[in-house]
């Protein structure tokens, strides 16, 4: 199974504490290994390079890196309600968001 694994600690304009490190984690997203999945991976890479993949949120008084507004599948199962597959509309929805 194909997956994209992203880990990032970053700072950009508009950060609540520019230049400061943030707690983050390992962010793993799954895409199908077909042509449409590969096209989506390229679009997600561009979004990542433009700083659109993650956002910084305050959680219990601590700034943390979290997923941004672009939807990602974080599980191979569980369906749409659990950010997983099956979800027949996902590639169309993420393509629209990108």
PDB file of N, CA and C in Angstrom:
ATOM      1  N   UNK A   1       0.833  -1.181   0.000  1.00  0.00           N
ATOM      2  CA  UNK A   1       0.000   0.000   0.000  1.00  0.00           C
ATOM      3  C   UNK A   1       0.877   1.245   0.000  1.00  0.00           C
ATOM      4  N   UNK A   2       0.465   2.254  -0.751  1.00  0.00           N
ATOM      5  CA  UNK A   2       1.217   3.492  -0.863  1.00  0.00           C
ATOM      6  C   UNK A   2       0.793   4.449   0.236  1.00  0.00           C
ATOM      7  N   UNK A   3       1.751   5.189   0.729  1.00  0.00           N
ATOM      8  CA  UNK A   3       1.418   6.200   1.721  1.00  0.00           C
ATOM      9  C   UNK A   3       2.360   7.373   1.583  1.00  0.00           C
ATOM     10  N   UNK A   4       1.928   8.498   2.095  1.00  0.00           N
ATOM     11  CA  UNK A   4       2.748   9.697   2.164  1.00  0.00           C
ATOM     12  C   UNK A   4       2.946   9.968   3.644  1.00  0.00           C
ATOM     13  N   UNK A   5       4.163  10.125   4.061  1.00  0.00           N
ATOM     14  CA  UNK A   5       4.443  10.414   5.461  1.00  0.00           C
ATOM     15  C   UNK A   5       5.110  11.778   5.540  1.00  0.00           C
ATOM     16  N   UNK A   6       4.503  12.687   6.284  1.00  0.00           N
ATOM     17  CA  UNK A   6       5.020  14.046   6.383  1.00  0.00           C
ATOM     18  C   UNK A   6       5.321  14.395   7.832  1.00  0.00           C
ATOM     19  N   UNK A   7       6.472  14.960   8.061  1.00  0.00           N
ATOM     20  CA  UNK A   7       6.848  15.445   9.392  1.00  0.00           C
ATOM     21  C   UNK A   7       7.407  16.833   9.204  1.00  0.00           C
ATOM     22  N   UNK A   8       6.915  17.788   9.933  1.00  0.00           N
ATOM     23  CA  UNK A   8       7.355  19.154   9.718  1.00  0.00           C
ATOM     24  C   UNK A   8       7.295  19.968  10.998  1.00  0.00           C
ATOM     25  N   UNK A   9       8.343  20.743  11.215  1.00  0.00           N
ATOM     26  CA  UNK A   9       8.359  21.788  12.233  1.00  0.00           C
ATOM     27  C   UNK A   9       8.690  23.043  11.462  1.00  0.00           C
ATOM     28  N   UNK A  10       7.815  24.030  11.505  1.00  0.00           N
ATOM     29  CA  UNK A  10       8.001  25.173  10.630  1.00  0.00           C
ATOM     30  C   UNK A  10       7.486  26.438  11.269  1.00  0.00           C
ATOM     31  N   UNK A  11       7.802  27.555  10.624  1.00  0.00           N
ATOM     32  CA  UNK A  11       7.320  28.860  11.038  1.00  0.00           C
ATOM     33  C   UNK A  11       7.025  29.652   9.777  1.00  0.00           C
ATOM     34  N   UNK A  12       5.958  30.429   9.792  1.00  0.00           N
ATOM     35  CA  UNK A  12       5.627  31.262   8.645  1.00  0.00           C
ATOM     36  C   UNK A  12       4.928  32.521   9.131  1.00  0.00           C
ATOM     37  N   UNK A  13       4.710  33.449   8.228  1.00  0.00           N
ATOM     38  CA  UNK A  13       4.028  34.695   8.569  1.00  0.00           C
ATOM     39  C   UNK A  13       2.668  34.374   9.179  1.00  0.00           C
ATOM     40  N   UNK A  14       2.352  35.032  10.277  1.00  0.00           N
ATOM     41  CA  UNK A  14       1.076  34.821  10.935  1.00  0.00           C
ATOM     42  C   UNK A  14       1.133  33.813  12.071  1.00  0.00           C
ATOM     43  N   UNK A  15       2.305  33.190  12.276  1.00  0.00           N
ATOM     44  CA  UNK A  15       2.433  32.258  13.394  1.00  0.00           C
ATOM     45  C   UNK A  15       2.286  33.022  14.699  1.00  0.00           C
ATOM     46  N   UNK A  16       1.676  32.413  15.712  1.00  0.00           N
ATOM     47  CA  UNK A  16       1.513  33.106  16.993  1.00  0.00           C
ATOM     48  C   UNK A  16       2.842  33.406  17.680  1.00  0.00           C
ATOM     49  N   UNK A  17       3.845  32.599  17.447  1.00  0.00           N
ATOM     50  CA  UNK A  17       5.170  32.780  18.049  1.00  0.00           C
ATOM     51  C   UNK A  17       6.248  32.527  16.986  1.00  0.00           C
ATOM     52  N   UNK A  18       6.454  33.465  16.051  1.00  0.00           N
ATOM     53  CA  UNK A  18       7.403  33.243  14.959  1.00  0.00           C
ATOM     54  C   UNK A  18       8.788  32.843  15.451  1.00  0.00           C
ATOM     55  N   UNK A  19       9.359  31.859  14.775  1.00  0.00           N
ATOM     56  CA  UNK A  19      10.706  31.410  15.098  1.00  0.00           C
ATOM     57  C   UNK A  19      10.790  30.413  16.230  1.00  0.00           C
ATOM     58  N   UNK A  20       9.680  30.166  16.907  1.00  0.00           N
ATOM     59  CA  UNK A  20       9.671  29.224  18.023  1.00  0.00           C
ATOM     60  C   UNK A  20       9.328  27.818  17.519  1.00  0.00           C
ATOM     61  N   UNK A  21       9.927  26.802  18.127  1.00  0.00           N
ATOM     62  CA  UNK A  21       9.544  25.441  17.738  1.00  0.00           C
ATOM     63  C   UNK A  21       8.151  25.109  18.271  1.00  0.00           C
ATOM     64  N   UNK A  22       7.484  24.217  17.560  1.00  0.00           N
ATOM     65  CA  UNK A  22       6.154  23.790  17.951  1.00  0.00           C
ATOM     66  C   UNK A  22       6.144  22.294  18.133  1.00  0.00           C
ATOM     67  N   UNK A  23       5.285  21.831  19.017  1.00  0.00           N
ATOM     68  CA  UNK A  23       5.104  20.392  19.126  1.00  0.00           C
ATOM     69  C   UNK A  23       4.316  19.936  17.914  1.00  0.00           C
ATOM     70  N   UNK A  24       4.689  18.828  17.398  1.00  0.00           N
ATOM     71  CA  UNK A  24       4.007  18.297  16.225  1.00  0.00           C
ATOM     72  C   UNK A  24       3.838  16.811  16.377  1.00  0.00           C
ATOM     73  N   UNK A  25       4.223  16.104  15.403  1.00  0.00           N
ATOM     74  CA  UNK A  25       4.096  14.659  15.449  1.00  0.00           C
ATOM     75  C   UNK A  25       4.378  14.080  14.090  1.00  0.00           C
ATOM     76  N   UNK A  26       4.086  12.841  13.947  1.00  0.00           N
ATOM     77  CA  UNK A  26       4.207  12.184  12.662  1.00  0.00           C
ATOM     78  C   UNK A  26       2.848  12.228  11.996  1.00  0.00           C
ATOM     79  N   UNK A  27       2.793  12.789  10.825  1.00  0.00           N
ATOM     80  CA  UNK A  27       1.547  12.930  10.085  1.00  0.00           C
ATOM     81  C   UNK A  27       1.617  11.986   8.898  1.00  0.00           C
ATOM     82  N   UNK A  28       0.720  11.040   8.848  1.00  0.00           N
ATOM     83  CA  UNK A  28       0.733  10.030   7.811  1.00  0.00           C
ATOM     84  C   UNK A  28      -0.601  10.040   7.080  1.00  0.00           C
ATOM     85  N   UNK A  29      -0.533  10.140   5.754  1.00  0.00           N
ATOM     86  CA  UNK A  29      -1.748  10.147   4.935  1.00  0.00           C
ATOM     87  C   UNK A  29      -1.647   9.053   3.888  1.00  0.00           C
ATOM     88  N   UNK A  30      -2.779   8.486   3.530  1.00  0.00           N
ATOM     89  CA  UNK A  30      -2.819   7.372   2.593  1.00  0.00           C
ATOM     90  C   UNK A  30      -3.546   7.757   1.311  1.00  0.00           C
ATOM     91  N   UNK A  31      -3.000   7.285   0.207  1.00  0.00           N
ATOM     92  CA  UNK A  31      -3.622   7.457  -1.100  1.00  0.00           C
ATOM     93  C   UNK A  31      -3.569   6.130  -1.835  1.00  0.00           C
ATOM     94  N   UNK A  32      -4.540   5.892  -2.714  1.00  0.00           N
ATOM     95  CA  UNK A  32      -4.476   4.667  -3.510  1.00  0.00           C
ATOM     96  C   UNK A  32      -3.321   4.738  -4.510  1.00  0.00           C
ATOM     97  N   UNK A  33      -2.747   3.603  -4.845  1.00  0.00           N
ATOM     98  CA  UNK A  33      -1.607   3.545  -5.744  1.00  0.00           C
ATOM     99  C   UNK A  33      -2.014   3.489  -7.205  1.00  0.00           C
ATOM    100  N   UNK A  34      -2.945   4.348  -7.608  1.00  0.00           N
ATOM    101  CA  UNK A  34      -3.355   4.398  -9.007  1.00  0.00           C
ATOM    102  C   UNK A  34      -3.038   5.780  -9.578  1.00  0.00           C
ATOM    103  N   UNK A  35      -3.400   6.009 -10.837  1.00  0.00           N
ATOM    104  CA  UNK A  35      -3.076   7.269 -11.503  1.00  0.00           C
ATOM    105  C   UNK A  35      -3.683   8.468 -10.773  1.00  0.00           C
ATOM    106  N   UNK A  36      -4.929   8.352 -10.373  1.00  0.00           N
ATOM    107  CA  UNK A  36      -5.583   9.460  -9.673  1.00  0.00           C
ATOM    108  C   UNK A  36      -4.937   9.717  -8.311  1.00  0.00           C
ATOM    109  N   UNK A  37      -4.535   8.647  -7.617  1.00  0.00           N
ATOM    110  CA  UNK A  37      -3.832   8.800  -6.347  1.00  0.00           C
ATOM    111  C   UNK A  37      -2.486   9.478  -6.530  1.00  0.00           C
ATOM    112  N   UNK A  38      -1.771   9.149  -7.609  1.00  0.00           N
ATOM    113  CA  UNK A  38      -0.476   9.776  -7.888  1.00  0.00           C
ATOM    114  C   UNK A  38      -0.642  11.256  -8.226  1.00  0.00           C
ATOM    115  N   UNK A  39      -1.694  11.578  -8.986  1.00  0.00           N
ATOM    116  CA  UNK A  39      -1.975  12.980  -9.309  1.00  0.00           C
ATOM    117  C   UNK A  39      -2.281  13.757  -8.026  1.00  0.00           C
ATOM    118  N   UNK A  40      -3.066  13.157  -7.153  1.00  0.00           N
ATOM    119  CA  UNK A  40      -3.396  13.795  -5.882  1.00  0.00           C
ATOM    120  C   UNK A  40      -2.151  13.988  -5.031  1.00  0.00           C
ATOM    121  N   UNK A  41      -1.249  13.011  -5.033  1.00  0.00           N
ATOM    122  CA  UNK A  41       0.007  13.130  -4.278  1.00  0.00           C
ATOM    123  C   UNK A  41       0.822  14.323  -4.765  1.00  0.00           C
ATOM    124  N   UNK A  42       0.860  14.546  -6.073  1.00  0.00           N
ATOM    125  CA  UNK A  42       1.592  15.696  -6.613  1.00  0.00           C
ATOM    126  C   UNK A  42       0.957  17.013  -6.166  1.00  0.00           C
ATOM    127  N   UNK A  43      -0.373  17.058  -6.160  1.00  0.00           N
ATOM    128  CA  UNK A  43      -1.062  18.271  -5.700  1.00  0.00           C
ATOM    129  C   UNK A  43      -0.840  18.506  -4.203  1.00  0.00           C
ATOM    130  N   UNK A  44      -0.861  17.425  -3.420  1.00  0.00           N
ATOM    131  CA  UNK A  44      -0.600  17.553  -1.981  1.00  0.00           C
ATOM    132  C   UNK A  44       0.828  18.025  -1.723  1.00  0.00           C
ATOM    133  N   UNK A  45       1.766  17.576  -2.540  1.00  0.00           N
ATOM    134  CA  UNK A  45       3.161  18.027  -2.397  1.00  0.00           C
ATOM    135  C   UNK A  45       3.255  19.523  -2.643  1.00  0.00           C
ATOM    136  N   UNK A  46       2.579  20.023  -3.689  1.00  0.00           N
ATOM    137  CA  UNK A  46       2.575  21.464  -3.967  1.00  0.00           C
ATOM    138  C   UNK A  46       1.949  22.238  -2.804  1.00  0.00           C
ATOM    139  N   UNK A  47       0.859  21.702  -2.263  1.00  0.00           N
ATOM    140  CA  UNK A  47       0.210  22.358  -1.122  1.00  0.00           C
ATOM    141  C   UNK A  47       1.158  22.405   0.072  1.00  0.00           C
ATOM    142  N   UNK A  48       1.892  21.315   0.296  1.00  0.00           N
ATOM    143  CA  UNK A  48       2.867  21.269   1.382  1.00  0.00           C
ATOM    144  C   UNK A  48       3.951  22.334   1.174  1.00  0.00           C
ATOM    145  N   UNK A  49       4.472  22.414  -0.034  1.00  0.00           N
ATOM    146  CA  UNK A  49       5.529  23.387  -0.342  1.00  0.00           C
ATOM    147  C   UNK A  49       5.048  24.821  -0.169  1.00  0.00           C
ATOM    148  N   UNK A  50       3.753  25.048  -0.310  1.00  0.00           N
ATOM    149  CA  UNK A  50       3.175  26.391  -0.152  1.00  0.00           C
ATOM    150  C   UNK A  50       2.705  26.662   1.274  1.00  0.00           C
ATOM    151  N   UNK A  51       2.948  25.720   2.174  1.00  0.00           N
ATOM    152  CA  UNK A  51       2.582  25.910   3.580  1.00  0.00           C
ATOM    153  C   UNK A  51       1.105  25.738   3.877  1.00  0.00           C
ATOM    154  N   UNK A  52       0.386  24.973   3.032  1.00  0.00           N
ATOM    155  CA  UNK A  52      -1.056  24.823   3.196  1.00  0.00           C
ATOM    156  C   UNK A  52      -1.473  23.525   3.879  1.00  0.00           C
ATOM    157  N   UNK A  53      -0.533  22.627   4.114  1.00  0.00           N
ATOM    158  CA  UNK A  53      -0.873  21.303   4.643  1.00  0.00           C
ATOM    159  C   UNK A  53      -1.130  21.316   6.144  1.00  0.00           C
ATOM    160  N   UNK A  54      -0.388  22.133   6.863  1.00  0.00           N
ATOM    161  CA  UNK A  54      -0.491  22.161   8.320  1.00  0.00           C
ATOM    162  C   UNK A  54      -0.892  23.537   8.804  1.00  0.00           C
ATOM    163  N   UNK A  55      -1.363  23.579  10.034  1.00  0.00           N
ATOM    164  CA  UNK A  55      -1.649  24.845  10.703  1.00  0.00           C
ATOM    165  C   UNK A  55      -1.177  24.741  12.137  1.00  0.00           C
ATOM    166  N   UNK A  56      -1.115  25.864  12.789  1.00  0.00           N
ATOM    167  CA  UNK A  56      -0.689  25.888  14.180  1.00  0.00           C
ATOM    168  C   UNK A  56      -1.898  26.250  15.023  1.00  0.00           C
ATOM    169  N   UNK A  57      -2.182  25.417  16.010  1.00  0.00           N
ATOM    170  CA  UNK A  57      -3.322  25.639  16.898  1.00  0.00           C
ATOM    171  C   UNK A  57      -2.834  25.636  18.334  1.00  0.00           C
ATOM    172  N   UNK A  58      -3.546  26.373  19.157  1.00  0.00           N
ATOM    173  CA  UNK A  58      -3.262  26.372  20.581  1.00  0.00           C
ATOM    174  C   UNK A  58      -4.071  25.258  21.228  1.00  0.00           C
ATOM    175  N   UNK A  59      -3.393  24.400  21.962  1.00  0.00           N
ATOM    176  CA  UNK A  59      -4.043  23.266  22.626  1.00  0.00           C
ATOM    177  C   UNK A  59      -3.559  23.226  24.072  1.00  0.00           C
ATOM    178  N   UNK A  60      -4.437  23.511  25.002  1.00  0.00           N
ATOM    179  CA  UNK A  60      -4.090  23.545  26.427  1.00  0.00           C
ATOM    180  C   UNK A  60      -2.927  24.499  26.695  1.00  0.00           C
ATOM    181  N   UNK A  61      -2.956  25.660  26.037  1.00  0.00           N
ATOM    182  CA  UNK A  61      -1.934  26.672  26.257  1.00  0.00           C
ATOM    183  C   UNK A  61      -0.627  26.396  25.544  1.00  0.00           C
ATOM    184  N   UNK A  62      -0.600  25.396  24.701  1.00  0.00           N
ATOM    185  CA  UNK A  62       0.625  25.021  23.999  1.00  0.00           C
ATOM    186  C   UNK A  62       0.356  25.076  22.499  1.00  0.00           C
ATOM    187  N   UNK A  63       1.280  25.672  21.749  1.00  0.00           N
ATOM    188  CA  UNK A  63       1.126  25.746  20.299  1.00  0.00           C
ATOM    189  C   UNK A  63       1.546  24.418  19.684  1.00  0.00           C
ATOM    190  N   UNK A  64       0.690  23.886  18.788  1.00  0.00           N
ATOM    191  CA  UNK A  64       0.957  22.588  18.160  1.00  0.00           C
ATOM    192  C   UNK A  64       0.726  22.656  16.656  1.00  0.00           C
ATOM    193  N   UNK A  65       1.514  21.891  15.930  1.00  0.00           N
ATOM    194  CA  UNK A  65       1.297  21.728  14.500  1.00  0.00           C
ATOM    195  C   UNK A  65       0.218  20.659  14.321  1.00  0.00           C
ATOM    196  N   UNK A  66      -0.800  20.971  13.524  1.00  0.00           N
ATOM    197  CA  UNK A  66      -1.890  20.039  13.252  1.00  0.00           C
ATOM    198  C   UNK A  66      -2.174  20.049  11.746  1.00  0.00           C
ATOM    199  N   UNK A  67      -3.002  19.107  11.305  1.00  0.00           N
ATOM    200  CA  UNK A  67      -3.437  19.126   9.913  1.00  0.00           C
ATOM    201  C   UNK A  67      -4.142  20.443   9.638  1.00  0.00           C
ATOM    202  N   UNK A  68      -3.999  20.955   8.416  1.00  0.00           N
ATOM    203  CA  UNK A  68      -4.698  22.157   7.982  1.00  0.00           C
ATOM    204  C   UNK A  68      -6.091  21.809   7.478  1.00  0.00           C
ATOM    205  N   UNK A  69      -6.587  22.616   6.564  1.00  0.00           N
ATOM    206  CA  UNK A  69      -7.954  22.448   6.078  1.00  0.00           C
ATOM    207  C   UNK A  69      -8.083  21.463   4.919  1.00  0.00           C
ATOM    208  N   UNK A  70      -6.977  21.047   4.331  1.00  0.00           N
ATOM    209  CA  UNK A  70      -7.029  20.080   3.233  1.00  0.00           C
ATOM    210  C   UNK A  70      -7.293  18.701   3.826  1.00  0.00           C
ATOM    211  N   UNK A  71      -8.328  18.014   3.359  1.00  0.00           N
ATOM    212  CA  UNK A  71      -8.627  16.698   3.941  1.00  0.00           C
ATOM    213  C   UNK A  71      -7.573  15.649   3.588  1.00  0.00           C
ATOM    214  N   UNK A  72      -7.212  14.835   4.572  1.00  0.00           N
ATOM    215  CA  UNK A  72      -6.259  13.739   4.389  1.00  0.00           C
ATOM    216  C   UNK A  72      -6.862  12.459   4.941  1.00  0.00           C
ATOM    217  N   UNK A  73      -6.565  11.354   4.302  1.00  0.00           N
ATOM    218  CA  UNK A  73      -6.986  10.041   4.797  1.00  0.00           C
ATOM    219  C   UNK A  73      -5.872   9.519   5.687  1.00  0.00           C
ATOM    220  N   UNK A  74      -6.172   9.365   6.957  1.00  0.00           N
ATOM    221  CA  UNK A  74      -5.157   8.956   7.929  1.00  0.00           C
ATOM    222  C   UNK A  74      -5.275   7.484   8.304  1.00  0.00           C
ATOM    223  N   UNK A  75      -6.148   6.781   7.614  1.00  0.00           N
ATOM    224  CA  UNK A  75      -6.339   5.348   7.885  1.00  0.00           C
ATOM    225  C   UNK A  75      -6.806   4.666   6.605  1.00  0.00           C
ATOM    226  N   UNK A  76      -6.445   3.404   6.458  1.00  0.00           N
ATOM    227  CA  UNK A  76      -6.929   2.630   5.310  1.00  0.00           C
ATOM    228  C   UNK A  76      -8.359   2.145   5.519  1.00  0.00           C
ATOM    229  N   UNK A  77      -8.842   2.191   6.748  1.00  0.00           N
ATOM    230  CA  UNK A  77     -10.196   1.695   7.000  1.00  0.00           C
ATOM    231  C   UNK A  77     -10.944   2.651   7.922  1.00  0.00           C
ATOM    232  N   UNK A  78     -12.169   2.337   8.224  1.00  0.00           N
ATOM    233  CA  UNK A  78     -12.983   3.164   9.104  1.00  0.00           C
ATOM    234  C   UNK A  78     -13.959   4.061   8.369  1.00  0.00           C
ATOM    235  N   UNK A  79     -13.801   4.167   7.056  1.00  0.00           N
ATOM    236  CA  UNK A  79     -14.721   4.988   6.288  1.00  0.00           C
ATOM    237  C   UNK A  79     -14.513   6.481   6.487  1.00  0.00           C
ATOM    238  N   UNK A  80     -15.339   7.247   5.823  1.00  0.00           N
ATOM    239  CA  UNK A  80     -15.238   8.708   5.840  1.00  0.00           C
ATOM    240  C   UNK A  80     -15.300   9.285   7.257  1.00  0.00           C
ATOM    241  N   UNK A  81     -16.150   8.731   8.092  1.00  0.00           N
ATOM    242  CA  UNK A  81     -16.327   9.253   9.451  1.00  0.00           C
ATOM    243  C   UNK A  81     -15.045   9.170  10.285  1.00  0.00           C
ATOM    244  N   UNK A  82     -14.138   8.241   9.932  1.00  0.00           N
ATOM    245  CA  UNK A  82     -12.893   8.081  10.696  1.00  0.00           C
ATOM    246  C   UNK A  82     -11.661   8.432   9.865  1.00  0.00           C
ATOM    247  N   UNK A  83     -11.860   9.319   8.863  1.00  0.00           N
ATOM    248  CA  UNK A  83     -10.782   9.747   7.967  1.00  0.00           C
ATOM    249  C   UNK A  83     -10.093   8.583   7.276  1.00  0.00           C
ATOM    250  N   UNK A  84     -10.877   7.570   6.926  1.00  0.00           N
ATOM    251  CA  UNK A  84     -10.314   6.397   6.266  1.00  0.00           C
ATOM    252  C   UNK A  84     -11.076   6.032   5.016  1.00  0.00           C
ATOM    253  N   UNK A  85     -10.685   4.930   4.465  1.00  0.00           N
ATOM    254  CA  UNK A  85     -11.364   4.354   3.300  1.00  0.00           C
ATOM    255  C   UNK A  85     -12.305   3.274   3.802  1.00  0.00           C
ATOM    256  N   UNK A  86     -13.336   2.876   3.116  1.00  0.00           N
ATOM    257  CA  UNK A  86     -13.699   3.377   1.800  1.00  0.00           C
ATOM    258  C   UNK A  86     -14.363   4.750   1.865  1.00  0.00           C
ATOM    259  N   UNK A  87     -14.075   5.552   0.859  1.00  0.00           N
ATOM    260  CA  UNK A  87     -14.686   6.865   0.688  1.00  0.00           C
ATOM    261  C   UNK A  87     -14.596   7.191  -0.795  1.00  0.00           C
ATOM    262  N   UNK A  88     -15.621   6.838  -1.512  1.00  0.00           N
ATOM    263  CA  UNK A  88     -15.629   6.962  -2.971  1.00  0.00           C
ATOM    264  C   UNK A  88     -15.458   8.407  -3.448  1.00  0.00           C
ATOM    265  N   UNK A  89     -15.765   9.385  -2.614  1.00  0.00           N
ATOM    266  CA  UNK A  89     -15.707  10.793  -3.017  1.00  0.00           C
ATOM    267  C   UNK A  89     -14.398  11.487  -2.642  1.00  0.00           C
ATOM    268  N   UNK A  90     -13.520  10.808  -1.893  1.00  0.00           N
ATOM    269  CA  UNK A  90     -12.354  11.487  -1.328  1.00  0.00           C
ATOM    270  C   UNK A  90     -11.465  12.153  -2.378  1.00  0.00           C
ATOM    271  N   UNK A  91     -11.038  11.425  -3.392  1.00  0.00           N
ATOM    272  CA  UNK A  91     -10.116  12.014  -4.361  1.00  0.00           C
ATOM    273  C   UNK A  91     -10.736  13.214  -5.071  1.00  0.00           C
ATOM    274  N   UNK A  92     -12.027  13.173  -5.321  1.00  0.00           N
ATOM    275  CA  UNK A  92     -12.716  14.327  -5.924  1.00  0.00           C
ATOM    276  C   UNK A  92     -12.734  15.490  -4.933  1.00  0.00           C
ATOM    277  N   UNK A  93     -13.049  15.216  -3.674  1.00  0.00           N
ATOM    278  CA  UNK A  93     -13.124  16.280  -2.661  1.00  0.00           C
ATOM    279  C   UNK A  93     -11.766  16.919  -2.412  1.00  0.00           C
ATOM    280  N   UNK A  94     -10.717  16.119  -2.288  1.00  0.00           N
ATOM    281  CA  UNK A  94      -9.395  16.693  -2.039  1.00  0.00           C
ATOM    282  C   UNK A  94      -8.926  17.456  -3.276  1.00  0.00           C
ATOM    283  N   UNK A  95      -9.255  16.957  -4.474  1.00  0.00           N
ATOM    284  CA  UNK A  95      -8.907  17.679  -5.700  1.00  0.00           C
ATOM    285  C   UNK A  95      -9.574  19.045  -5.758  1.00  0.00           C
ATOM    286  N   UNK A  96     -10.812  19.125  -5.316  1.00  0.00           N
ATOM    287  CA  UNK A  96     -11.533  20.397  -5.278  1.00  0.00           C
ATOM    288  C   UNK A  96     -10.895  21.342  -4.258  1.00  0.00           C
ATOM    289  N   UNK A  97     -10.494  20.802  -3.105  1.00  0.00           N
ATOM    290  CA  UNK A  97      -9.865  21.628  -2.064  1.00  0.00           C
ATOM    291  C   UNK A  97      -8.514  22.158  -2.516  1.00  0.00           C
ATOM    292  N   UNK A  98      -7.823  21.383  -3.337  1.00  0.00           N
ATOM    293  CA  UNK A  98      -6.502  21.801  -3.792  1.00  0.00           C
ATOM    294  C   UNK A  98      -6.613  22.743  -4.984  1.00  0.00           C
TER     295      UNK A  98
END
